[in-house]
Amino acid sequence: MLAIGAMFGPLIHPQAAMAQEPVEAAACRKAAIETLKQSEGNSPLKDVKIDLDSLTIAKANAEIGGAKVATVIIGQAAIQREHSDEPHTFLCLLGEKEKVLMTFFTKR
């Protein structure tokens, strides 16, 4: 019985697993931060936190304005500023090799 408990223990009492940020989401987050910092000047932007549980990552075979779209990401994100944490819906289009073509935020 001890062997069964030792073998199945992790299944019954799993340790909290940290969600791993997909490479595509990391590329979108980095591009979004750079774009927001450029467009907002000296705004106190701290970070963009993407809710990994809300993400939909879809492979695509499309073209927009001559650029091939390989991946579309949609989910929830928070734009973190010095005194606020604003929830947004997040859209990101990626081309080949995780090249970010566009990031877009809209307030919920």
N, C-alpha and C. Protein backbone atom coordinates (compact mmCIF):
# COMPACT_ATOMS: atom_id res chain seq x y z
N MET A 1 0.82 -1.20 0.00
CA MET A 1 0.00 0.00 0.00
C MET A 1 0.86 1.25 0.00
N LEU A 2 1.98 1.19 0.67
CA LEU A 2 2.88 2.33 0.73
C LEU A 2 3.41 2.67 -0.67
N ALA A 3 3.73 1.64 -1.44
CA ALA A 3 4.23 1.88 -2.79
C ALA A 3 3.18 2.56 -3.66
N ILE A 4 1.92 2.16 -3.50
CA ILE A 4 0.85 2.78 -4.27
C ILE A 4 0.69 4.24 -3.85
N GLY A 5 0.71 4.50 -2.53
CA GLY A 5 0.61 5.88 -2.06
C GLY A 5 1.76 6.73 -2.56
N ALA A 6 2.96 6.17 -2.57
CA ALA A 6 4.13 6.91 -3.04
C ALA A 6 4.02 7.16 -4.54
N MET A 7 3.47 6.18 -5.25
CA MET A 7 3.37 6.31 -6.69
C MET A 7 2.26 7.29 -7.08
N PHE A 8 1.14 7.26 -6.38
CA PHE A 8 0.01 8.10 -6.75
C PHE A 8 -0.09 9.39 -5.93
N GLY A 9 0.77 9.53 -4.93
CA GLY A 9 0.76 10.73 -4.10
C GLY A 9 0.79 12.02 -4.90
N PRO A 10 1.71 12.17 -5.85
CA PRO A 10 1.76 13.41 -6.61
C PRO A 10 0.49 13.67 -7.43
N LEU A 11 -0.22 12.62 -7.80
CA LEU A 11 -1.45 12.82 -8.55
C LEU A 11 -2.58 13.31 -7.65
N ILE A 12 -2.59 12.83 -6.43
CA ILE A 12 -3.64 13.21 -5.50
C ILE A 12 -3.36 14.57 -4.89
N HIS A 13 -2.10 14.85 -4.61
CA HIS A 13 -1.70 16.13 -4.00
C HIS A 13 -0.68 16.82 -4.89
N PRO A 14 -1.10 17.30 -6.05
CA PRO A 14 -0.13 17.90 -6.97
C PRO A 14 0.42 19.20 -6.40
N GLN A 15 1.68 19.44 -6.67
CA GLN A 15 2.27 20.71 -6.30
C GLN A 15 1.79 21.76 -7.29
N ALA A 16 1.69 22.99 -6.83
CA ALA A 16 1.23 24.06 -7.71
C ALA A 16 2.24 24.23 -8.84
N ALA A 17 1.77 24.05 -10.04
CA ALA A 17 2.64 24.19 -11.20
C ALA A 17 2.53 25.61 -11.74
N MET A 18 3.66 26.19 -12.04
CA MET A 18 3.64 27.54 -12.60
C MET A 18 3.43 27.41 -14.10
N ALA A 19 2.52 28.22 -14.62
CA ALA A 19 2.25 28.19 -16.05
C ALA A 19 3.45 28.76 -16.80
N GLN A 20 3.86 28.08 -17.82
CA GLN A 20 4.98 28.51 -18.64
C GLN A 20 4.45 29.42 -19.74
N GLU A 21 5.01 30.59 -19.89
CA GLU A 21 4.57 31.53 -20.93
C GLU A 21 5.02 31.00 -22.28
N PRO A 22 4.08 30.77 -23.21
CA PRO A 22 4.47 30.31 -24.54
C PRO A 22 5.39 31.32 -25.23
N VAL A 23 6.25 30.82 -26.08
CA VAL A 23 7.21 31.68 -26.80
C VAL A 23 6.47 32.78 -27.57
N GLU A 24 5.35 32.43 -28.19
CA GLU A 24 4.58 33.41 -28.96
C GLU A 24 4.06 34.52 -28.05
N ALA A 25 3.54 34.15 -26.88
CA ALA A 25 3.01 35.14 -25.95
C ALA A 25 4.13 36.04 -25.42
N ALA A 26 5.29 35.46 -25.16
CA ALA A 26 6.43 36.25 -24.68
C ALA A 26 6.86 37.27 -25.73
N ALA A 27 6.88 36.87 -26.98
CA ALA A 27 7.25 37.80 -28.07
C ALA A 27 6.23 38.93 -28.17
N CYS A 28 4.94 38.60 -28.04
CA CYS A 28 3.89 39.62 -28.11
C CYS A 28 3.97 40.58 -26.92
N ARG A 29 4.22 40.04 -25.73
CA ARG A 29 4.31 40.88 -24.53
C ARG A 29 5.48 41.86 -24.65
N LYS A 30 6.62 41.37 -25.11
CA LYS A 30 7.81 42.21 -25.27
C LYS A 30 7.54 43.33 -26.29
N ALA A 31 6.94 42.98 -27.42
CA ALA A 31 6.64 43.98 -28.44
C ALA A 31 5.61 44.99 -27.94
N ALA A 32 4.63 44.52 -27.18
CA ALA A 32 3.61 45.41 -26.64
C ALA A 32 4.21 46.43 -25.68
N ILE A 33 5.12 45.97 -24.82
CA ILE A 33 5.77 46.87 -23.87
C ILE A 33 6.57 47.94 -24.62
N GLU A 34 7.34 47.51 -25.62
CA GLU A 34 8.14 48.46 -26.39
C GLU A 34 7.25 49.49 -27.10
N THR A 35 6.17 49.03 -27.71
CA THR A 35 5.26 49.92 -28.41
C THR A 35 4.58 50.90 -27.46
N LEU A 36 4.08 50.40 -26.33
CA LEU A 36 3.42 51.28 -25.37
C LEU A 36 4.38 52.32 -24.80
N LYS A 37 5.61 51.92 -24.52
CA LYS A 37 6.59 52.87 -24.00
C LYS A 37 6.89 53.96 -25.02
N GLN A 38 6.97 53.59 -26.30
CA GLN A 38 7.24 54.58 -27.35
C GLN A 38 6.06 55.52 -27.54
N SER A 39 4.85 54.98 -27.52
CA SER A 39 3.67 55.80 -27.80
C SER A 39 3.25 56.67 -26.62
N GLU A 40 3.62 56.26 -25.41
CA GLU A 40 3.18 56.99 -24.23
C GLU A 40 4.27 57.88 -23.64
N GLY A 41 5.43 57.92 -24.24
CA GLY A 41 6.49 58.78 -23.76
C GLY A 41 6.96 58.43 -22.36
N ASN A 42 6.81 59.37 -21.45
CA ASN A 42 7.29 59.18 -20.07
C ASN A 42 6.23 58.60 -19.15
N SER A 43 5.23 57.94 -19.70
CA SER A 43 4.18 57.32 -18.90
C SER A 43 4.80 56.28 -17.97
N PRO A 44 4.27 56.14 -16.76
CA PRO A 44 4.84 55.21 -15.80
C PRO A 44 4.45 53.75 -16.06
N LEU A 45 4.66 53.25 -17.27
CA LEU A 45 4.35 51.86 -17.60
C LEU A 45 5.31 50.94 -16.85
N LYS A 46 4.75 49.97 -16.14
CA LYS A 46 5.57 49.02 -15.41
C LYS A 46 5.72 47.71 -16.18
N ASP A 47 4.58 47.17 -16.64
CA ASP A 47 4.63 45.86 -17.28
C ASP A 47 3.31 45.59 -17.98
N VAL A 48 3.31 44.58 -18.82
CA VAL A 48 2.10 44.04 -19.41
C VAL A 48 2.03 42.58 -18.95
N LYS A 49 0.99 42.26 -18.21
CA LYS A 49 0.80 40.90 -17.71
C LYS A 49 -0.28 40.22 -18.54
N ILE A 50 0.08 39.14 -19.19
CA ILE A 50 -0.88 38.39 -20.00
C ILE A 50 -1.43 37.25 -19.16
N ASP A 51 -2.76 37.13 -19.12
CA ASP A 51 -3.42 36.04 -18.40
C ASP A 51 -3.30 34.78 -19.26
N LEU A 52 -2.36 33.93 -18.90
CA LEU A 52 -2.08 32.74 -19.70
C LEU A 52 -3.26 31.79 -19.79
N ASP A 53 -4.12 31.78 -18.76
CA ASP A 53 -5.29 30.90 -18.78
C ASP A 53 -6.34 31.36 -19.78
N SER A 54 -6.30 32.63 -20.16
CA SER A 54 -7.31 33.16 -21.08
C SER A 54 -6.86 33.10 -22.54
N LEU A 55 -5.62 32.73 -22.78
CA LEU A 55 -5.07 32.80 -24.14
C LEU A 55 -5.65 31.76 -25.09
N THR A 56 -5.91 32.23 -26.29
CA THR A 56 -6.17 31.34 -27.42
C THR A 56 -5.05 31.60 -28.40
N ILE A 57 -4.29 30.57 -28.73
CA ILE A 57 -3.20 30.68 -29.69
C ILE A 57 -3.59 29.82 -30.88
N ALA A 58 -3.85 30.50 -32.02
CA ALA A 58 -4.33 29.79 -33.20
C ALA A 58 -3.33 29.93 -34.34
N LYS A 59 -3.04 28.82 -34.97
CA LYS A 59 -2.19 28.84 -36.15
C LYS A 59 -3.04 29.38 -37.30
N ALA A 60 -2.41 30.17 -38.14
CA ALA A 60 -3.13 30.79 -39.26
C ALA A 60 -2.33 30.59 -40.54
N ASN A 61 -3.02 30.72 -41.63
CA ASN A 61 -2.40 30.71 -42.94
C ASN A 61 -3.05 31.83 -43.73
N ALA A 62 -2.68 33.05 -43.37
CA ALA A 62 -3.32 34.23 -43.96
C ALA A 62 -2.26 35.24 -44.35
N GLU A 63 -2.71 36.24 -45.08
CA GLU A 63 -1.82 37.30 -45.50
C GLU A 63 -2.55 38.63 -45.37
N ILE A 64 -1.88 39.60 -44.78
CA ILE A 64 -2.46 40.95 -44.64
C ILE A 64 -1.43 41.94 -45.15
N GLY A 65 -1.80 42.67 -46.18
CA GLY A 65 -0.89 43.66 -46.73
C GLY A 65 0.44 43.10 -47.18
N GLY A 66 0.43 41.89 -47.67
CA GLY A 66 1.66 41.26 -48.14
C GLY A 66 2.45 40.55 -47.05
N ALA A 67 2.02 40.67 -45.80
CA ALA A 67 2.72 40.00 -44.69
C ALA A 67 1.99 38.71 -44.34
N LYS A 68 2.74 37.62 -44.24
CA LYS A 68 2.15 36.33 -43.90
C LYS A 68 1.88 36.28 -42.40
N VAL A 69 0.65 35.96 -42.03
CA VAL A 69 0.26 35.80 -40.63
C VAL A 69 0.27 34.31 -40.32
N ALA A 70 1.13 33.92 -39.38
CA ALA A 70 1.27 32.51 -39.03
C ALA A 70 0.54 32.14 -37.74
N THR A 71 0.39 33.12 -36.83
CA THR A 71 -0.22 32.86 -35.53
C THR A 71 -1.05 34.06 -35.09
N VAL A 72 -2.21 33.77 -34.50
CA VAL A 72 -3.07 34.80 -33.92
C VAL A 72 -3.24 34.46 -32.44
N ILE A 73 -3.02 35.46 -31.58
CA ILE A 73 -3.18 35.28 -30.14
C ILE A 73 -4.25 36.24 -29.64
N ILE A 74 -5.21 35.72 -28.90
CA ILE A 74 -6.26 36.53 -28.29
C ILE A 74 -6.36 36.13 -26.83
N GLY A 75 -6.49 37.12 -25.96
CA GLY A 75 -6.62 36.82 -24.54
C GLY A 75 -6.81 38.08 -23.72
N GLN A 76 -6.69 37.93 -22.43
CA GLN A 76 -6.83 39.06 -21.51
C GLN A 76 -5.44 39.47 -21.02
N ALA A 77 -5.26 40.77 -20.87
CA ALA A 77 -3.98 41.28 -20.38
C ALA A 77 -4.24 42.50 -19.51
N ALA A 78 -3.32 42.75 -18.61
CA ALA A 78 -3.39 43.93 -17.76
C ALA A 78 -2.20 44.82 -18.08
N ILE A 79 -2.49 46.07 -18.38
CA ILE A 79 -1.41 47.04 -18.57
C ILE A 79 -1.16 47.65 -17.20
N GLN A 80 0.01 47.37 -16.66
CA GLN A 80 0.33 47.82 -15.31
C GLN A 80 1.10 49.13 -15.37
N ARG A 81 0.50 50.13 -14.73
CA ARG A 81 1.15 51.43 -14.61
C ARG A 81 1.41 51.69 -13.14
N GLU A 82 2.07 52.78 -12.86
CA GLU A 82 2.48 53.07 -11.48
C GLU A 82 1.33 53.01 -10.48
N HIS A 83 0.16 53.57 -10.83
CA HIS A 83 -0.95 53.63 -9.87
C HIS A 83 -2.21 52.92 -10.36
N SER A 84 -2.11 52.11 -11.40
CA SER A 84 -3.31 51.42 -11.89
C SER A 84 -2.93 50.11 -12.56
N ASP A 85 -3.92 49.29 -12.73
CA ASP A 85 -3.77 47.98 -13.35
C ASP A 85 -5.00 47.79 -14.23
N GLU A 86 -4.93 48.21 -15.49
CA GLU A 86 -6.09 48.24 -16.36
C GLU A 86 -6.27 46.93 -17.12
N PRO A 87 -7.45 46.28 -17.01
CA PRO A 87 -7.71 45.06 -17.78
C PRO A 87 -8.05 45.39 -19.24
N HIS A 88 -7.53 44.60 -20.15
CA HIS A 88 -7.76 44.78 -21.58
C HIS A 88 -7.93 43.42 -22.26
N THR A 89 -8.58 43.45 -23.41
CA THR A 89 -8.54 42.31 -24.31
C THR A 89 -7.33 42.55 -25.20
N PHE A 90 -6.59 41.50 -25.46
CA PHE A 90 -5.30 41.59 -26.14
C PHE A 90 -5.35 40.77 -27.42
N LEU A 91 -4.85 41.35 -28.51
CA LEU A 91 -4.75 40.65 -29.80
C LEU A 91 -3.34 40.83 -30.31
N CYS A 92 -2.76 39.78 -30.82
CA CYS A 92 -1.41 39.86 -31.38
C CYS A 92 -1.35 38.99 -32.64
N LEU A 93 -0.76 39.54 -33.68
CA LEU A 93 -0.55 38.79 -34.92
C LEU A 93 0.95 38.57 -35.08
N LEU A 94 1.31 37.32 -35.36
CA LEU A 94 2.72 36.98 -35.56
C LEU A 94 2.93 36.41 -36.95
N GLY A 95 4.07 36.73 -37.52
CA GLY A 95 4.47 36.17 -38.80
C GLY A 95 5.35 34.96 -38.57
N GLU A 96 6.17 34.69 -39.53
CA GLU A 96 7.08 33.55 -39.42
C GLU A 96 8.15 33.84 -38.37
N LYS A 97 8.64 32.79 -37.72
CA LYS A 97 9.69 32.86 -36.69
C LYS A 97 9.32 33.79 -35.55
N GLU A 98 8.04 33.80 -35.16
CA GLU A 98 7.52 34.60 -34.04
C GLU A 98 7.78 36.10 -34.20
N LYS A 99 7.85 36.58 -35.43
CA LYS A 99 8.01 38.02 -35.66
C LYS A 99 6.64 38.68 -35.41
N VAL A 100 6.61 39.63 -34.48
CA VAL A 100 5.35 40.29 -34.13
C VAL A 100 5.01 41.31 -35.23
N LEU A 101 3.83 41.13 -35.81
CA LEU A 101 3.37 42.05 -36.86
C LEU A 101 2.50 43.16 -36.27
N MET A 102 1.73 42.83 -35.21
CA MET A 102 0.83 43.81 -34.62
C MET A 102 0.41 43.36 -33.23
N THR A 103 0.32 44.33 -32.31
CA THR A 103 -0.31 44.09 -31.02
C THR A 103 -1.43 45.10 -30.89
N PHE A 104 -2.52 44.70 -30.23
CA PHE A 104 -3.68 45.58 -30.11
C PHE A 104 -4.34 45.32 -28.75
N PHE A 105 -4.67 46.40 -28.06
CA PHE A 105 -5.37 46.32 -26.78
C PHE A 105 -6.67 47.09 -26.88
N THR A 106 -7.71 46.58 -26.25
CA THR A 106 -8.95 47.33 -26.11
C THR A 106 -9.45 47.14 -24.70
N LYS A 107 -9.96 48.24 -24.12
CA LYS A 107 -10.47 48.14 -22.76
C LYS A 107 -11.72 47.28 -22.76
N ARG A 108 -11.89 46.50 -21.70
CA ARG A 108 -13.06 45.65 -21.58
C ARG A 108 -14.24 46.45 -21.10
